[in-house]
């Protein structure tokens, strides 16, 4: 083998090694966005009637504002944050959200823990691309509803007797215009989420696109 061949082989080997290390597991994850990832999750699950809202102040907390949410967290230290501690309880009166509401999923808890560890910053107007080329229920609409709506509208006692936890239960509200009208805050519809800010424009457009395409179970 010539010197040139040996050199080329070594260079190629080095490139392969670098590429093998540049996998998704090694890329830094984007920072958590308070406005789109955290605030709606807390408002949807923790500010219902009788809970941590500006009227009831359950346990002395009002989670309808950023400052109120900060009362339950220690920025940079998720394990010491009271709100994190009650989220990971498997059962009991201190578990949040309280029964009959569903507990946070492992993914939601991890998201919340990362936000705290990153400093619990009130990041707003987080810019991201909005793809409405294809909007499916499973990949787009269901995650939006899980973040913003099912904290109230699911379980054995859904608020307003409206359950949005599955496609078959969402479908009637998509067909009659209630879903799109409520998230758009259109005239004649109850503005949703209750006690929370309007959904990001991208999420609204994706829901409207899904509804316009027939609200399929896709």
Foldseek 3Di string as FASTA:
>chain_A
DDPVVVVVVVVVVVVVVVVVCPDPVPDDDDAQACQAQPLLQCCQQADPPCGQDPPNCVVPAHSLDLVRVVVQAQAQDRVPGNVLVLLPDPADPSRPPHPPFDGDDPVSSVSVSRCRNNGVDNHPPDDDDQDQVDFACVPAVQVSCNRHPQSQADGPDHVVVQHDNDLVSCQVCLQVVQVLCQLVVHPPHPHPDPSHDRHPPSSSVNSVSCSVVPSDND
